[in-house]
């Protein structure tokens, strides 16, 4: 299976750190942020990846990652996103790379403790559709939030003022080849972006969305608070491993 890492955007919430670099190149404890989603995919057995990025620092990813072999990849491909059209718009740039295959999509600022390999293998056995990873969080209003009836997801709402659950949709998505047809049907949201939540709800309405729960820690690193939290979580994990 192929992987897609979305690492574009302006990182405005991390200004002025992002005035001179892409946020996914910022350090999280002892390595650049972008290493973590790559390592997550490699651990799950995904060795061919496309990195979608943009902005003035796009060339720095090539300097850092090269052909990907030193960080466990067989191949790494690059795509450039003009402007900020949203996560779904960035994903649309990977259509030729995916070539009809199932893909695992990771947001470049998402850092987890779990091995997503079991979820990837379940998705490989899934005849069609999509699979997402959820995590119970104290601040669900920051994310896409799943609503439930029993154990069944009934809807996903983007950044709700009054969340219907505490379960956030993390930045790990698995899609079959029809995802690009879905992206082409999307209309910009009130943020003038193509929302990945709309993609997930499209699959959900057709009964083709499955999910798994993350057990270990999960955080994004797109704000000063979450960037600090990500570094702290990694530092504590490494300390435990040394003890």
Protein backbone atom coordinates (compact mmCIF):
# COMPACT_ATOMS: atom_id res chain seq x y z
CA UNK A 1 0.00 0.00 0.00
CA UNK A 2 1.11 3.55 -0.71
CA UNK A 3 1.26 6.45 1.72
CA UNK A 4 0.56 10.16 1.28
CA UNK A 5 1.88 12.76 3.75
CA UNK A 6 0.29 16.19 3.61
CA UNK A 7 2.76 18.83 4.72
CA UNK A 8 1.63 22.07 3.11
CA UNK A 9 -0.03 25.15 4.58
CA UNK A 10 1.43 28.36 5.92
CA UNK A 11 1.60 27.35 9.58
CA UNK A 12 0.25 30.76 10.57
CA UNK A 13 -0.53 29.63 14.13
CA UNK A 14 3.19 29.06 14.66
CA UNK A 15 4.31 32.47 13.38
CA UNK A 16 7.06 33.79 13.61
CA UNK A 17 8.70 30.33 13.68
CA UNK A 18 7.17 29.64 10.29
CA UNK A 19 8.24 32.94 8.74
CA UNK A 20 11.40 31.31 7.44
CA UNK A 21 10.48 27.61 7.21
CA UNK A 22 7.65 25.14 6.75
CA UNK A 23 6.16 24.10 10.12
CA UNK A 24 6.74 20.42 9.33
CA UNK A 25 10.49 21.10 9.37
CA UNK A 26 10.41 22.48 12.91
CA UNK A 27 12.00 20.30 15.60
CA UNK A 28 9.93 18.02 17.78
CA UNK A 29 12.32 17.04 20.54
CA UNK A 30 15.32 15.57 18.69
CA UNK A 31 14.25 15.46 15.03
CA UNK A 32 12.26 17.36 12.42
CA UNK A 33 8.48 17.03 12.75
CA UNK A 34 8.13 15.40 9.32
CA UNK A 35 10.17 12.38 10.48
CA UNK A 36 7.39 11.20 12.77
CA UNK A 37 4.64 10.57 10.19
CA UNK A 38 7.21 8.96 7.92
CA UNK A 39 8.34 6.63 10.70
CA UNK A 40 4.70 5.78 11.49
CA UNK A 41 4.14 4.69 7.89
CA UNK A 42 7.40 2.75 7.68
CA UNK A 43 6.56 0.90 10.92
CA UNK A 44 3.19 -0.02 9.41
CA UNK A 45 4.90 -1.49 6.34
CA UNK A 46 4.23 1.43 3.98
CA UNK A 47 7.46 2.07 2.10
CA UNK A 48 6.39 4.13 -0.93
CA UNK A 49 5.29 7.64 -0.06
CA UNK A 50 4.30 10.90 -1.71
CA UNK A 51 4.95 14.11 0.22
CA UNK A 52 2.66 17.01 -0.69
CA UNK A 53 3.98 20.40 0.38
CA UNK A 54 4.08 24.02 -0.72
CA UNK A 55 5.36 27.48 0.08
CA UNK A 56 8.85 28.89 -0.14
CA UNK A 57 10.52 26.11 1.86
CA UNK A 58 9.40 23.17 -0.28
CA UNK A 59 12.92 22.54 -1.52
CA UNK A 60 14.13 22.01 2.04
CA UNK A 61 12.22 18.73 2.21
CA UNK A 62 14.29 17.39 -0.67
CA UNK A 63 17.49 18.49 1.09
CA UNK A 64 16.37 16.81 4.32
CA UNK A 65 14.78 13.60 3.02
CA UNK A 66 16.49 13.01 -0.31
CA UNK A 67 15.22 9.80 -1.89
CA UNK A 68 13.94 8.55 1.47
CA UNK A 69 16.16 5.48 1.72
CA UNK A 70 18.04 6.71 4.82
CA UNK A 71 14.78 6.94 6.75
CA UNK A 72 13.39 3.55 5.77
CA UNK A 73 11.48 4.30 2.56
CA UNK A 74 11.88 2.50 -0.74
CA UNK A 75 10.72 5.54 -2.71
CA UNK A 76 9.60 9.07 -1.89
CA UNK A 77 7.79 11.27 -4.40
CA UNK A 78 7.09 14.98 -4.12
CA UNK A 79 4.15 17.16 -5.16
CA UNK A 80 3.77 20.93 -4.84
CA UNK A 81 0.54 22.62 -3.71
CA UNK A 82 -0.05 26.20 -4.80
CA UNK A 83 -1.72 28.24 -2.08
CA UNK A 84 -3.95 26.81 0.64
CA UNK A 85 -6.95 24.90 -0.67
CA UNK A 86 -7.45 22.60 2.29
CA UNK A 87 -6.49 19.05 3.18
CA UNK A 88 -8.75 17.46 0.57
CA UNK A 89 -7.32 19.70 -2.17
CA UNK A 90 -3.79 18.67 -1.20
CA UNK A 91 -4.81 15.02 -1.26
CA UNK A 92 -6.15 15.48 -4.80
CA UNK A 93 -2.59 16.10 -6.00
CA UNK A 94 -1.70 12.48 -5.21
CA UNK A 95 -4.14 10.92 -7.69
CA UNK A 96 -1.57 9.87 -10.28
CA UNK A 97 0.72 8.56 -7.57
CA UNK A 98 -2.05 6.43 -6.07
CA UNK A 99 -2.94 5.04 -9.51
CA UNK A 100 -6.17 3.49 -8.25
CA UNK A 101 -4.58 1.74 -5.27
CA UNK A 102 -5.64 2.06 -1.65
CA UNK A 103 -3.69 4.72 0.23
CA UNK A 104 -2.86 5.70 3.80
CA UNK A 105 -2.97 9.48 4.29
CA UNK A 106 -1.21 11.20 7.20
CA UNK A 107 -1.19 14.86 8.17
CA UNK A 108 2.42 15.90 8.56
CA UNK A 109 1.99 17.41 12.03
CA UNK A 110 0.32 14.36 13.62
CA UNK A 111 2.35 12.36 16.12
CA UNK A 112 1.20 9.12 17.74
CA UNK A 113 2.48 6.41 20.03
CA UNK A 114 0.53 3.49 18.51
CA UNK A 115 1.55 1.26 15.64
CA UNK A 116 -1.09 1.76 12.94
CA UNK A 117 -0.02 -1.47 11.24
CA UNK A 118 -3.03 -3.47 12.51
CA UNK A 119 -5.42 -0.82 11.17
CA UNK A 120 -3.62 -0.76 7.82
CA UNK A 121 -3.92 -4.54 7.56
CA UNK A 122 -7.63 -4.41 8.42
CA UNK A 123 -8.08 -1.81 5.73
CA UNK A 124 -6.25 -3.98 3.20
CA UNK A 125 -8.84 -6.71 3.87
CA UNK A 126 -11.71 -4.21 3.63
CA UNK A 127 -13.35 -4.71 0.21
CA UNK A 128 -13.89 -0.99 -0.35
CA UNK A 129 -14.40 2.34 1.38
CA UNK A 130 -12.42 4.19 4.00
CA UNK A 131 -11.09 3.77 7.53
CA UNK A 132 -10.28 6.50 10.05
CA UNK A 133 -8.60 6.56 13.46
CA UNK A 134 -10.31 8.19 16.42
CA UNK A 135 -8.97 9.38 19.78
CA UNK A 136 -10.76 10.62 22.90
CA UNK A 137 -9.52 14.14 23.65
CA UNK A 138 -10.25 16.89 26.20
CA UNK A 139 -10.70 19.58 23.52
CA UNK A 140 -12.69 18.00 20.67
CA UNK A 141 -13.90 21.39 19.39
CA UNK A 142 -10.47 21.82 17.77
CA UNK A 143 -11.01 18.87 15.44
CA UNK A 144 -13.44 16.93 13.34
CA UNK A 145 -15.65 15.11 15.86
CA UNK A 146 -17.51 11.82 15.43
CA UNK A 147 -21.11 11.47 16.63
CA UNK A 148 -22.30 7.99 17.60
CA UNK A 149 -25.40 5.88 18.01
CA UNK A 150 -24.12 2.97 20.03
CA UNK A 151 -20.83 2.05 18.39
CA UNK A 152 -21.86 3.28 14.95
CA UNK A 153 -20.69 6.65 13.66
CA UNK A 154 -23.68 8.70 12.53
CA UNK A 155 -21.82 11.81 11.39
CA UNK A 156 -18.63 13.84 11.57
CA UNK A 157 -18.73 17.55 12.34
CA UNK A 158 -15.80 19.88 11.67
CA UNK A 159 -14.71 21.97 14.69
CA UNK A 160 -18.13 22.03 16.38
CA UNK A 161 -18.90 24.61 19.04
CA UNK A 162 -20.82 21.95 20.97
CA UNK A 163 -19.22 18.58 20.19
CA UNK A 164 -21.50 15.55 20.22
CA UNK A 165 -18.72 13.36 21.59
CA UNK A 166 -15.14 13.59 22.85
CA UNK A 167 -13.80 11.50 19.96
CA UNK A 168 -11.67 13.44 17.51
CA UNK A 169 -10.89 12.27 14.00
CA UNK A 170 -7.11 12.12 13.96
CA UNK A 171 -4.99 12.98 10.95
CA UNK A 172 -4.73 9.37 9.77
CA UNK A 173 -7.04 8.32 6.94
CA UNK A 174 -7.23 5.28 4.68
CA UNK A 175 -9.06 5.47 1.36
CA UNK A 176 -9.80 3.36 -1.66
CA UNK A 177 -9.24 4.65 -5.19
CA UNK A 178 -12.61 6.42 -5.44
CA UNK A 179 -11.46 9.11 -2.99
CA UNK A 180 -10.25 11.28 -5.85
CA UNK A 181 -13.64 11.17 -7.55
CA UNK A 182 -15.13 12.32 -4.24
CA UNK A 183 -12.63 15.20 -3.94
CA UNK A 184 -13.68 16.44 -7.38
CA UNK A 185 -17.28 16.77 -6.18
CA UNK A 186 -16.47 18.88 -3.11
CA UNK A 187 -17.43 22.52 -2.72
CA UNK A 188 -15.35 24.97 -0.63
CA UNK A 189 -16.46 25.33 2.97
CA UNK A 190 -17.02 28.63 4.77
CA UNK A 191 -13.23 28.61 5.31
CA UNK A 192 -12.91 28.49 1.50
CA UNK A 193 -11.24 25.10 1.72
CA UNK A 194 -12.03 21.58 0.55
CA UNK A 195 -12.59 19.76 3.83
CA UNK A 196 -11.42 16.22 4.55
CA UNK A 197 -14.45 15.90 6.85
CA UNK A 198 -16.66 16.15 3.76
CA UNK A 199 -14.73 13.25 2.21
CA UNK A 200 -15.22 11.13 5.32
CA UNK A 201 -18.93 11.96 5.51
CA UNK A 202 -19.31 10.99 1.86
CA UNK A 203 -18.05 7.49 2.65
CA UNK A 204 -20.16 7.41 5.83
CA UNK A 205 -23.40 8.18 3.99
CA UNK A 206 -22.75 5.17 1.77
CA UNK A 207 -22.02 2.85 4.68
CA UNK A 208 -18.37 2.55 3.64
CA UNK A 209 -16.58 4.18 6.60
CA UNK A 210 -14.91 2.03 9.27
CA UNK A 211 -12.91 3.20 12.27
CA UNK A 212 -10.41 2.13 14.92
CA UNK A 213 -9.56 3.74 18.27
CA UNK A 214 -6.05 4.89 19.10
CA UNK A 215 -4.91 3.79 22.56
CA UNK A 216 -1.59 5.58 23.06
CA UNK A 217 -0.95 9.30 22.91
CA UNK A 218 -1.83 11.39 19.90
CA UNK A 219 -1.27 15.07 19.23
CA UNK A 220 -0.98 17.45 16.38
CA UNK A 221 1.82 20.03 16.50
CA UNK A 222 0.22 22.99 14.76
CA UNK A 223 0.08 25.41 17.70
CA UNK A 224 2.70 26.49 20.22
CA UNK A 225 0.93 24.49 22.92
CA UNK A 226 0.62 21.31 20.88
CA UNK A 227 4.17 21.63 19.52
CA UNK A 228 5.46 21.81 23.09
CA UNK A 229 3.22 18.90 24.09
CA UNK A 230 4.52 16.79 21.20
CA UNK A 231 8.13 17.38 22.25
CA UNK A 232 7.29 16.54 25.86
CA UNK A 233 5.55 13.28 24.91
CA UNK A 234 8.50 12.17 22.77
CA UNK A 235 11.01 13.12 25.49
CA UNK A 236 9.09 11.12 28.11
CA UNK A 237 8.84 8.12 25.79
CA UNK A 238 12.58 8.15 25.14
CA UNK A 239 13.29 8.49 28.86
CA UNK A 240 11.13 5.43 29.59
CA UNK A 241 12.96 3.48 26.91
CA UNK A 242 16.33 4.32 28.51
CA UNK A 243 15.26 3.39 32.04
